[in-house]
Amino acid sequence: MIKKFLLYTLSLLLLFSCQEQQPAPSILWGGEMHNSNASTPESIDASLDLAVSLGFNSVLAPVSWELLEPVQGEFDFSLVDYLLKAADKRDLYLGLLWFGTWKNGESSYPPLWVKADTATYFRAPTCVAEKTSPISPFCAAAREADVKAFKALMAHLKMADKTRRVRCVQVENEVGVFAERDFSEAGIKAWEESPWSRSDDPMAPQYFMAEAYARYVDAVAAAGKEAYDLPLFTNAWLAPADKAYGKYPNGGPREAVLAVWKKYAPHLDWLSPDIYGPELREMCAAYGEGQPLFIPETNCQAGRFWYALCEAGAKGVFGFGYEEHFDNPYYTAECKVISEMLPLIAEGHPMRGFVRIDKKDAPDAVETLALGDYTFNVHCIEGEKNAHGIIVQTAPDEFTIAGVGAWIDFGPRVQIAFCEELRDGKRWQVLNGDETGHHNMLYLRGRLNIPEDGPYYGLSYQRRFRPAYQELFKVSGIYRLKLYNL
């Protein structure tokens, strides 16, 4: 009897061990937690519950050095373990953000034993007579302490993350100093010995600081990869090359110094932009060249997500501080639409995306997109400042289009053979006649955002001409159509 029971138990163990885990998504989409929302189990649960309700497949969550190693050499992984279990319970994937020596050009996340010992872990003065809070990138003691902590974190992840929820880790956050150079004693000496100091290039101080931070971050990344070979990256606070010193952290992997970072931080798998300004298209192009495009921080606006995923081919895009948008009906509804479309996007079909950027593009901007044998003329509707959308080709003459605030024509000799609106993956209505301009155009009228108990009788194609109704058209609709040539 005992023998039979043991054989039965063994067979069950073998069965479960042989079951394949659901593969991780090829595209990570979701939000980045607010900086303190991974500091207690309660705030972790609240943030992840919201992420599930929004349809995210992944979340970026901070790991703070001061909470991980409050006493030198003594590591507390309890919050990390709770985060892993909480994500696994909700079937969410994670990118961890190592808030180590720097975050946003400051050193506010190292433990007190680092911050209080300014002799050992010296700062980066911005001039001879001025001191600032950031630790100097030339401080070997700080680098050694950060290396030990990060390596311990990665070693623990390898052991504790049994379902492989963590897909990537960000090393530091928006590093740099708010000055032309680091004027610590070590920084001055390094400048004097550097070839950059003998260059006539006005960018020399920026290249010099970029090299310094890249070397430091690479040392941390190299130690982490030695413990656990996960994809690693760091992110940039973006600013143009000619912007005045003191307005951004100088030395981070901004576009102007990407080549320096790629040379001196070879253990990073990619460099990421934090895109909040109107330069969305330009930064997607710059950071997607020769490396994966992964955007850890951007505005919580659907148009940015659609464009990054479908036009720029991003492998990850996240809205920062998604928790504060929990009651924004347009954001929450758009997230639902994106979650409906994400499986189709991940299949790798040919696709295009568009977005009208407020205060940059014309209110009635027109963009022509080519896909397959067809041309799509996208006309943004004046007054619809959040016009955006994507076009996915699923067959030679068939397309799935999602978006709002624009209308699309296909040229003089192309018409719609069939068009239907989808909701939750099912046909919601068939569009024809007036709603398709008599088969000559697709109007991205979107889904009305109405109270749950309010009536909805459909929305006429003609309403696109009435400005009073434009405020209703904020949530993307999903349309499947077939085209043909006359």
Protein backbone atom coordinates (compact mmCIF):
# COMPACT_ATOMS: atom_id res chain seq x y z
CA MET A 1 0.00 0.00 0.00
CA ILE A 2 2.79 2.41 0.97
CA LYS A 3 4.68 1.51 -2.19
CA LYS A 4 1.63 2.28 -4.36
CA PHE A 5 1.14 5.60 -2.58
CA LEU A 6 4.79 6.56 -3.11
CA LEU A 7 4.59 5.64 -6.80
CA TYR A 8 1.38 7.69 -7.16
CA THR A 9 2.96 10.69 -5.43
CA LEU A 10 6.07 10.42 -7.60
CA SER A 11 3.95 10.27 -10.76
CA LEU A 12 2.12 13.45 -9.73
CA LEU A 13 5.39 15.24 -9.08
CA LEU A 14 6.72 14.20 -12.48
CA LEU A 15 3.49 15.31 -14.14
CA PHE A 16 3.60 18.79 -12.63
CA SER A 17 7.33 19.17 -13.21
CA CYS A 18 6.86 18.36 -16.89
CA GLN A 19 4.05 20.84 -17.42
CA GLU A 20 5.32 23.78 -19.44
CA GLN A 21 5.02 27.22 -17.92
CA GLN A 22 3.02 29.72 -19.95
CA PRO A 23 5.60 31.57 -22.07
CA ALA A 24 6.35 35.15 -21.11
CA PRO A 25 4.95 37.81 -23.46
CA SER A 26 7.20 38.96 -26.29
CA ILE A 27 6.07 42.54 -25.71
CA LEU A 28 5.98 44.01 -22.20
CA TRP A 29 3.32 46.67 -21.71
CA GLY A 30 1.99 48.32 -18.59
CA GLY A 31 3.02 50.94 -16.09
CA GLU A 32 5.84 51.97 -13.83
CA MET A 33 4.96 52.14 -10.16
CA HIS A 34 5.31 55.38 -8.29
CA ASN A 35 8.66 55.49 -6.50
CA SER A 36 7.41 54.42 -3.06
CA ASN A 37 4.71 51.96 -4.06
CA ALA A 38 6.94 48.91 -3.70
CA SER A 39 7.95 49.80 -0.13
CA THR A 40 5.28 47.81 1.75
CA PRO A 41 3.18 44.72 1.02
CA GLU A 42 0.03 46.83 1.20
CA SER A 43 1.17 49.32 -1.46
CA ILE A 44 2.49 46.50 -3.65
CA ASP A 45 -0.89 44.77 -3.56
CA ALA A 46 -2.77 47.97 -4.35
CA SER A 47 -0.56 48.83 -7.32
CA LEU A 48 -0.62 45.33 -8.78
CA ASP A 49 -4.39 44.99 -8.35
CA LEU A 50 -4.82 48.17 -10.35
CA ALA A 51 -2.40 46.86 -12.99
CA VAL A 52 -4.55 43.75 -13.42
CA SER A 53 -7.73 45.80 -13.74
CA LEU A 54 -6.08 47.92 -16.47
CA GLY A 55 -5.12 44.82 -18.47
CA PHE A 56 -1.34 45.19 -18.10
CA ASN A 57 0.88 42.18 -18.68
CA SER A 58 3.81 43.68 -16.77
CA VAL A 59 4.83 46.33 -14.25
CA LEU A 60 8.11 48.10 -13.51
CA ALA A 61 8.74 48.16 -9.76
CA PRO A 62 11.51 49.85 -7.74
CA VAL A 63 13.95 48.06 -5.46
CA SER A 64 15.48 50.59 -3.08
CA TRP A 65 19.03 50.09 -1.85
CA GLU A 66 18.23 51.68 1.53
CA LEU A 67 15.48 49.11 2.16
CA LEU A 68 17.50 46.19 0.80
CA GLU A 69 20.67 46.81 2.85
CA PRO A 70 19.75 49.00 5.86
CA VAL A 71 22.83 47.73 7.71
CA GLN A 72 26.06 47.28 5.80
CA GLY A 73 26.44 43.68 4.72
CA GLU A 74 22.98 42.65 6.00
CA PHE A 75 20.40 42.16 3.24
CA ASP A 76 16.64 42.09 3.67
CA PHE A 77 14.94 40.47 0.67
CA SER A 78 11.48 40.27 2.23
CA LEU A 79 9.98 43.01 0.02
CA VAL A 80 11.52 41.52 -3.11
CA ASP A 81 10.11 38.10 -2.23
CA TYR A 82 6.68 39.56 -1.56
CA LEU A 83 6.75 41.39 -4.89
CA LEU A 84 7.65 38.19 -6.74
CA LYS A 85 4.84 36.22 -5.11
CA ALA A 86 2.33 39.03 -5.61
CA ALA A 87 3.16 39.29 -9.32
CA ASP A 88 3.05 35.51 -9.77
CA LYS A 89 -0.34 35.35 -8.06
CA ARG A 90 -1.71 37.90 -10.56
CA ASP A 91 0.11 36.49 -13.60
CA LEU A 92 2.04 39.74 -14.07
CA TYR A 93 5.63 40.05 -15.27
CA LEU A 94 8.12 42.46 -13.75
CA GLY A 95 10.96 44.74 -14.64
CA LEU A 96 12.87 45.75 -11.52
CA LEU A 97 14.33 49.23 -11.12
CA TRP A 98 17.51 49.27 -9.04
CA PHE A 99 17.48 52.58 -7.15
CA GLY A 100 21.10 52.33 -6.09
CA THR A 101 23.68 55.09 -6.03
CA TRP A 102 21.57 57.46 -8.15
CA LYS A 103 18.02 58.31 -9.08
CA ASN A 104 17.18 61.42 -11.11
CA GLY A 105 20.71 62.78 -10.71
CA GLU A 106 20.55 62.59 -6.91
CA SER A 107 21.71 60.10 -4.28
CA SER A 108 18.62 59.79 -2.11
CA TYR A 109 18.16 56.00 -2.22
CA PRO A 110 21.46 54.66 -0.81
CA PRO A 111 21.24 53.49 2.83
CA LEU A 112 22.01 55.89 5.65
CA TRP A 113 25.38 54.31 6.32
CA VAL A 114 26.38 55.47 2.84
CA LYS A 115 24.68 58.88 2.85
CA ALA A 116 25.98 59.85 6.31
CA ASP A 117 29.61 58.96 5.57
CA THR A 118 30.52 61.74 3.15
CA ALA A 119 34.22 61.18 3.66
CA THR A 120 34.16 57.59 2.37
CA TYR A 121 31.31 58.04 -0.09
CA PHE A 122 32.19 61.49 -1.29
CA ARG A 123 29.95 63.78 -3.26
CA ALA A 124 30.23 65.47 -6.65
CA PRO A 125 30.57 69.23 -6.09
CA THR A 126 29.41 71.33 -9.03
CA CYS A 127 32.19 73.85 -8.49
CA VAL A 128 35.17 74.17 -6.11
CA ALA A 129 33.17 75.93 -3.38
CA GLU A 130 29.83 74.16 -3.76
CA LYS A 131 28.68 70.69 -2.73
CA THR A 132 25.66 68.76 -3.96
CA SER A 133 23.99 65.59 -2.77
CA PRO A 134 24.92 63.23 -5.64
CA ILE A 135 27.71 60.78 -4.95
CA SER A 136 30.63 61.19 -7.32
CA PRO A 137 30.96 58.62 -10.13
CA PHE A 138 34.70 58.65 -9.31
CA CYS A 139 34.07 57.32 -5.78
CA ALA A 140 35.47 53.78 -5.83
CA ALA A 141 34.07 52.99 -2.37
CA ALA A 142 30.54 53.82 -3.46
CA ARG A 143 30.93 51.77 -6.62
CA GLU A 144 32.21 48.79 -4.63
CA ALA A 145 29.30 49.00 -2.18
CA ASP A 146 26.75 49.31 -4.99
CA VAL A 147 28.34 46.37 -6.82
CA LYS A 148 28.04 44.15 -3.74
CA ALA A 149 24.41 45.10 -3.13
CA PHE A 150 23.33 44.68 -6.73
CA LYS A 151 25.14 41.37 -7.08
CA ALA A 152 23.40 40.12 -3.93
CA LEU A 153 20.03 41.19 -5.37
CA MET A 154 20.65 39.40 -8.67
CA ALA A 155 21.90 36.24 -6.93
CA HIS A 156 18.76 36.23 -4.81
CA LEU A 157 16.53 36.69 -7.86
CA LYS A 158 18.12 33.69 -9.54
CA MET A 159 17.24 31.56 -6.55
CA ALA A 160 13.88 33.07 -5.50
CA ASP A 161 12.19 33.89 -8.82
CA LYS A 162 11.18 30.33 -9.57
CA THR A 163 8.50 31.23 -12.15
CA ARG A 164 10.79 33.78 -13.84
CA ARG A 165 8.52 36.76 -13.35
CA VAL A 166 11.41 39.24 -13.63
CA ARG A 167 12.19 39.81 -17.31
CA CYS A 168 14.73 42.65 -17.02
CA VAL A 169 16.39 44.96 -14.51
CA GLN A 170 17.18 48.66 -14.78
CA VAL A 171 20.58 49.59 -13.28
CA GLU A 172 20.32 52.97 -11.48
CA ASN A 173 17.87 55.63 -12.69
CA GLU A 174 18.52 58.79 -14.73
CA VAL A 175 22.12 59.17 -13.60
CA GLY A 176 24.17 62.35 -13.94
CA VAL A 177 25.17 65.55 -12.20
CA PHE A 178 23.40 68.89 -12.56
CA ALA A 179 26.53 70.70 -13.66
CA GLU A 180 29.14 70.86 -16.40
CA ARG A 181 31.45 68.47 -14.56
CA ASP A 182 32.17 66.73 -11.27
CA PHE A 183 34.46 69.04 -9.30
CA SER A 184 35.39 66.61 -6.55
CA GLU A 185 39.12 66.15 -6.04
CA ALA A 186 38.94 62.80 -7.86
CA GLY A 187 36.78 64.34 -10.59
CA ILE A 188 39.22 67.20 -11.21
CA LYS A 189 42.14 64.78 -11.38
CA ALA A 190 40.27 62.49 -13.78
CA TRP A 191 39.45 65.47 -16.04
CA GLU A 192 43.06 66.64 -16.12
CA GLU A 193 44.22 63.14 -17.08
CA SER A 194 41.46 62.59 -19.65
CA PRO A 195 41.93 63.16 -23.39
CA TRP A 196 38.61 64.99 -23.26
CA SER A 197 40.24 67.89 -21.39
CA ARG A 198 42.52 68.52 -24.39
CA SER A 199 39.69 68.51 -26.90
CA ASP A 200 38.33 71.64 -28.57
CA ASP A 201 34.92 70.01 -28.90
CA PRO A 202 32.36 71.97 -26.82
CA MET A 203 30.74 68.62 -26.05
CA ALA A 204 33.90 67.36 -24.33
CA PRO A 205 32.61 67.86 -20.75
CA GLN A 206 29.47 65.92 -21.62
CA TYR A 207 31.46 63.08 -23.18
CA PHE A 208 33.75 63.04 -20.15
CA MET A 209 30.88 62.75 -17.67
CA ALA A 210 29.10 60.19 -19.86
CA GLU A 211 32.21 58.01 -19.81
CA ALA A 212 32.49 58.32 -16.02
CA TYR A 213 28.91 57.31 -15.34
CA ALA A 214 28.96 54.59 -18.00
CA ARG A 215 32.04 52.97 -16.44
CA TYR A 216 30.46 53.06 -12.98
CA VAL A 217 27.11 51.64 -14.13
CA ASP A 218 28.86 49.00 -16.22
CA ALA A 219 30.79 47.78 -13.18
CA VAL A 220 27.49 47.33 -11.33
CA ALA A 221 25.89 45.63 -14.35
CA ALA A 222 28.84 43.29 -14.86
CA ALA A 223 28.62 42.08 -11.27
CA GLY A 224 24.87 41.56 -11.62
CA LYS A 225 25.22 39.54 -14.81
CA GLU A 226 27.86 37.38 -13.19
CA ALA A 227 25.31 36.43 -10.54
CA TYR A 228 22.28 36.13 -12.84
CA ASP A 229 22.32 36.78 -16.57
CA LEU A 230 19.12 38.77 -17.06
CA PRO A 231 18.72 41.62 -19.58
CA LEU A 232 20.01 44.83 -18.01
CA PHE A 233 19.56 48.45 -19.07
CA THR A 234 19.67 51.99 -17.79
CA ASN A 235 17.54 54.98 -18.65
CA ALA A 236 18.03 58.61 -19.66
CA TRP A 237 16.57 61.92 -18.58
CA LEU A 238 16.33 63.43 -22.04
CA ALA A 239 17.58 66.92 -22.90
CA PRO A 240 19.03 68.49 -26.07
CA ALA A 241 22.80 68.76 -26.29
CA ASP A 242 22.73 72.56 -26.11
CA LYS A 243 20.50 72.81 -23.04
CA ALA A 244 22.09 74.79 -20.19
CA TYR A 245 23.96 72.81 -17.55
CA GLY A 246 22.02 72.45 -14.34
CA LYS A 247 18.71 71.73 -16.08
CA TYR A 248 19.29 67.99 -16.49
CA PRO A 249 21.66 65.30 -15.12
CA ASN A 250 24.76 65.64 -17.29
CA GLY A 251 26.40 62.27 -17.92
CA GLY A 252 23.33 60.09 -18.41
CA PRO A 253 22.73 58.19 -21.67
CA ARG A 254 21.08 61.06 -23.51
CA GLU A 255 20.93 60.93 -27.30
CA ALA A 256 23.98 63.20 -27.68
CA VAL A 257 26.25 60.76 -25.81
CA LEU A 258 24.76 57.37 -26.75
CA ALA A 259 27.92 56.30 -28.58
CA VAL A 260 30.02 56.93 -25.45
CA TRP A 261 27.67 54.86 -23.31
CA LYS A 262 27.60 51.99 -25.78
CA LYS A 263 31.40 51.93 -25.76
CA TYR A 264 31.96 52.09 -22.01
CA ALA A 265 28.94 50.12 -20.72
CA PRO A 266 29.08 46.88 -22.74
CA HIS A 267 27.32 44.84 -20.03
CA LEU A 268 24.08 46.75 -20.57
CA ASP A 269 21.78 45.12 -23.11
CA TRP A 270 20.26 48.43 -24.19
CA LEU A 271 19.84 52.09 -23.23
CA SER A 272 16.36 53.49 -22.69
CA PRO A 273 14.75 56.91 -23.12
CA ASP A 274 12.26 58.38 -20.66
CA ILE A 275 10.05 60.25 -23.13
CA TYR A 276 7.76 62.93 -21.73
CA GLY A 277 8.17 65.73 -24.26
CA PRO A 278 6.93 66.20 -27.82
CA GLU A 279 9.98 64.46 -29.33
CA LEU A 280 8.33 61.01 -29.17
CA ARG A 281 8.98 60.07 -32.81
CA GLU A 282 12.56 61.33 -32.83
CA MET A 283 13.55 59.56 -29.60
CA CYS A 284 11.90 56.29 -30.65
CA ALA A 285 14.00 56.40 -33.82
CA ALA A 286 17.23 57.30 -32.00
CA TYR A 287 16.97 54.68 -29.25
CA GLY A 288 15.58 51.97 -31.53
CA GLU A 289 18.60 52.04 -33.83
CA GLY A 290 20.86 49.04 -33.32
CA GLN A 291 19.22 47.99 -30.07
CA PRO A 292 15.79 47.06 -28.67
CA LEU A 293 13.49 50.01 -28.07
CA PHE A 294 12.31 49.84 -24.47
CA ILE A 295 10.59 52.88 -22.93
CA PRO A 296 10.40 52.56 -19.12
CA GLU A 297 8.77 55.95 -18.61
CA THR A 298 6.38 58.02 -20.68
CA ASN A 299 3.12 59.88 -20.19
CA CYS A 300 0.05 57.79 -19.46
CA GLN A 301 -1.43 58.57 -22.87
CA ALA A 302 -2.68 55.88 -25.21
CA GLY A 303 -1.36 57.54 -28.37
CA ARG A 304 2.21 57.23 -27.10
CA PHE A 305 1.70 53.55 -26.31
CA TRP A 306 0.16 52.80 -29.72
CA TYR A 307 2.89 54.66 -31.60
CA ALA A 308 5.78 53.10 -29.67
CA LEU A 309 4.43 49.57 -30.00
CA CYS A 310 3.20 49.58 -33.59
CA GLU A 311 5.14 52.22 -35.50
CA ALA A 312 8.44 52.14 -33.60
CA GLY A 313 8.38 48.42 -32.75
CA ALA A 314 9.04 48.84 -29.03
CA LYS A 315 9.59 45.68 -27.00
CA GLY A 316 8.36 47.44 -23.88
CA VAL A 317 6.53 50.67 -23.03
CA PHE A 318 5.28 51.87 -19.65
CA GLY A 319 3.34 54.86 -18.37
CA PHE A 320 4.92 56.32 -15.25
CA GLY A 321 2.86 56.60 -12.08
CA TYR A 322 -0.16 54.79 -13.48
CA GLU A 323 -1.69 54.65 -10.00
CA GLU A 324 -2.67 58.31 -10.06
CA HIS A 325 -4.78 57.73 -13.19
CA PHE A 326 -7.01 55.09 -11.59
CA ASP A 327 -10.14 57.23 -12.03
CA ASN A 328 -9.35 58.71 -15.44
CA PRO A 329 -12.06 57.10 -17.61
CA TYR A 330 -10.25 57.73 -20.88
CA TYR A 331 -6.96 56.24 -19.69
CA THR A 332 -8.54 53.20 -18.08
CA ALA A 333 -10.74 52.54 -21.12
CA GLU A 334 -7.81 52.95 -23.52
CA CYS A 335 -5.80 50.45 -21.49
CA LYS A 336 -8.60 47.94 -21.96
CA VAL A 337 -8.52 48.48 -25.73
CA ILE A 338 -4.74 48.03 -25.82
CA SER A 339 -5.02 44.79 -23.85
CA GLU A 340 -7.56 43.57 -26.44
CA MET A 341 -5.16 44.36 -29.28
CA LEU A 342 -1.88 43.28 -27.70
CA PRO A 343 -2.10 39.57 -28.67
CA LEU A 344 -2.57 40.57 -32.32
CA ILE A 345 0.30 43.07 -32.13
CA ALA A 346 2.58 40.43 -30.61
CA GLU A 347 1.99 38.06 -33.54
CA GLY A 348 4.37 40.16 -35.63
CA HIS A 349 2.09 41.24 -38.46
CA PRO A 350 3.13 44.22 -40.61
CA MET A 351 1.80 47.31 -38.86
CA ARG A 352 1.91 51.08 -38.71
CA GLY A 353 0.99 53.62 -36.06
CA PHE A 354 0.24 57.31 -35.87
CA VAL A 355 -0.26 59.95 -33.18
CA ARG A 356 -1.02 63.65 -33.29
CA ILE A 357 1.22 65.40 -30.77
CA ASP A 358 -0.47 68.41 -29.21
CA LYS A 359 1.29 71.78 -29.65
CA LYS A 360 3.59 70.24 -32.25
CA ASP A 361 1.45 68.86 -35.07
CA ALA A 362 -1.25 70.76 -36.90
CA PRO A 363 -4.78 70.30 -35.48
CA ASP A 364 -5.89 68.79 -38.79
CA ALA A 365 -2.62 67.00 -39.55
CA VAL A 366 -2.61 64.51 -42.42
CA GLU A 367 -0.22 61.55 -42.58
CA THR A 368 0.15 58.99 -45.35
CA LEU A 369 1.10 55.46 -44.30
CA ALA A 370 1.93 52.63 -46.70
CA LEU A 371 1.18 49.06 -45.74
CA GLY A 372 1.18 46.15 -48.16
CA ASP A 373 -0.32 47.21 -51.48
CA TYR A 374 -2.42 49.96 -49.92
CA THR A 375 -2.02 53.60 -48.91
CA PHE A 376 -3.74 54.96 -45.81
CA ASN A 377 -4.31 58.71 -45.70
CA VAL A 378 -4.89 59.55 -42.04
CA HIS A 379 -6.72 62.84 -41.41
CA CYS A 380 -6.73 64.05 -37.81
CA ILE A 381 -9.98 65.76 -36.87
CA GLU A 382 -9.48 69.33 -35.71
CA GLY A 383 -10.46 69.55 -32.07
CA GLU A 384 -9.42 65.96 -31.38
CA LYS A 385 -6.04 66.71 -29.80
CA ASN A 386 -5.52 63.07 -28.77
CA ALA A 387 -6.00 61.56 -32.24
CA HIS A 388 -4.05 58.31 -32.54
CA GLY A 389 -4.27 54.81 -33.93
CA ILE A 390 -2.66 51.70 -35.41
CA ILE A 391 -3.10 49.66 -38.58
CA VAL A 392 -2.30 45.92 -38.52
CA GLN A 393 -2.24 43.91 -41.75
CA THR A 394 -3.59 40.40 -41.14
CA ALA A 395 -3.93 39.28 -44.78
CA PRO A 396 -3.11 40.83 -48.20
CA ASP A 397 -6.42 42.76 -48.30
CA GLU A 398 -7.45 42.59 -44.64
CA PHE A 399 -6.61 44.93 -41.77
CA THR A 400 -7.43 45.50 -38.12
CA ILE A 401 -7.38 49.17 -37.20
CA ALA A 402 -7.68 50.68 -33.73
CA GLY A 403 -7.81 54.34 -32.86
CA VAL A 404 -9.86 57.47 -32.36
CA GLY A 405 -10.08 61.08 -33.52
CA ALA A 406 -9.20 60.60 -37.18
CA TRP A 407 -10.61 59.35 -40.46
CA ILE A 408 -8.81 57.34 -43.12
CA ASP A 409 -9.24 57.20 -46.87
CA PHE A 410 -7.44 54.79 -49.18
CA GLY A 411 -7.02 56.73 -52.42
CA PRO A 412 -9.34 57.27 -55.38
CA ARG A 413 -9.71 53.65 -56.57
CA VAL A 414 -9.83 51.71 -53.31
CA GLN A 415 -12.99 50.96 -51.37
CA ILE A 416 -14.08 49.02 -48.32
CA ALA A 417 -15.51 45.62 -49.12
CA PHE A 418 -16.49 44.87 -45.54
CA CYS A 419 -16.10 46.62 -42.18
CA GLU A 420 -17.09 45.67 -38.66
CA GLU A 421 -16.42 47.07 -35.20
CA LEU A 422 -15.05 44.65 -32.59
CA ARG A 423 -15.46 44.68 -28.83
CA ASP A 424 -13.92 42.08 -26.55
CA GLY A 425 -12.85 40.18 -29.67
CA LYS A 426 -16.41 39.84 -30.99
CA ARG A 427 -18.35 41.58 -33.74
CA TRP A 428 -20.25 44.46 -32.20
CA GLN A 429 -21.72 45.98 -35.35
CA VAL A 430 -21.27 46.02 -39.12
CA LEU A 431 -20.45 49.44 -40.58
CA ASN A 432 -21.57 50.51 -44.03
CA GLY A 433 -23.35 53.32 -45.87
CA ASP A 434 -22.98 56.67 -44.11
CA GLU A 435 -20.71 55.22 -41.43
CA THR A 436 -18.07 54.40 -44.07
CA GLY A 437 -18.62 57.37 -46.35
CA HIS A 438 -20.31 54.91 -48.70
CA HIS A 439 -17.32 52.54 -48.48
CA ASN A 440 -14.73 55.25 -49.21
CA MET A 441 -13.37 55.87 -45.70
CA LEU A 442 -13.09 54.57 -42.16
CA TYR A 443 -14.03 56.98 -39.40
CA LEU A 444 -12.25 56.22 -36.13
CA ARG A 445 -15.17 57.43 -34.09
CA GLY A 446 -14.13 55.37 -31.09
CA ARG A 447 -16.22 54.13 -28.21
CA LEU A 448 -18.44 56.52 -26.32
CA ASN A 449 -17.39 56.96 -22.73
CA ILE A 450 -20.78 56.91 -21.01
CA PRO A 451 -22.04 55.97 -17.53
CA GLU A 452 -22.56 52.25 -17.06
CA ASP A 453 -26.28 52.78 -16.61
CA GLY A 454 -26.61 55.22 -19.50
CA PRO A 455 -28.20 54.32 -22.83
CA TYR A 456 -26.08 54.01 -25.96
CA TYR A 457 -27.86 54.00 -29.29
CA GLY A 458 -24.84 54.06 -31.56
CA LEU A 459 -22.99 57.00 -33.04
CA SER A 460 -23.58 58.50 -36.45
CA TYR A 461 -20.75 59.03 -38.92
CA GLN A 462 -22.10 62.56 -39.42
CA ARG A 463 -21.19 63.56 -35.89
CA ARG A 464 -17.54 63.96 -36.82
CA PHE A 465 -18.56 67.30 -38.31
CA ARG A 466 -20.03 68.58 -35.07
CA PRO A 467 -17.47 70.06 -32.63
CA ALA A 468 -19.87 69.78 -29.70
CA TYR A 469 -19.58 66.00 -29.87
CA GLN A 470 -15.81 65.77 -30.17
CA GLU A 471 -15.23 65.59 -26.44
CA LEU A 472 -17.03 62.24 -26.45
CA PHE A 473 -14.63 60.63 -28.91
CA LYS A 474 -11.62 59.84 -26.74
CA VAL A 475 -11.56 56.05 -26.41
CA SER A 476 -10.23 53.98 -29.29
CA GLY A 477 -12.45 51.64 -31.24
CA ILE A 478 -11.29 48.46 -32.99
CA TYR A 479 -12.30 47.85 -36.60
CA ARG A 480 -11.73 44.95 -38.96
CA LEU A 481 -12.05 45.64 -42.67
CA LYS A 482 -11.30 44.27 -46.11
CA LEU A 483 -10.27 46.48 -49.03
CA TYR A 484 -10.51 46.03 -52.78
CA ASN A 485 -9.44 47.90 -55.90
CA LEU A 486 -12.04 49.28 -58.29
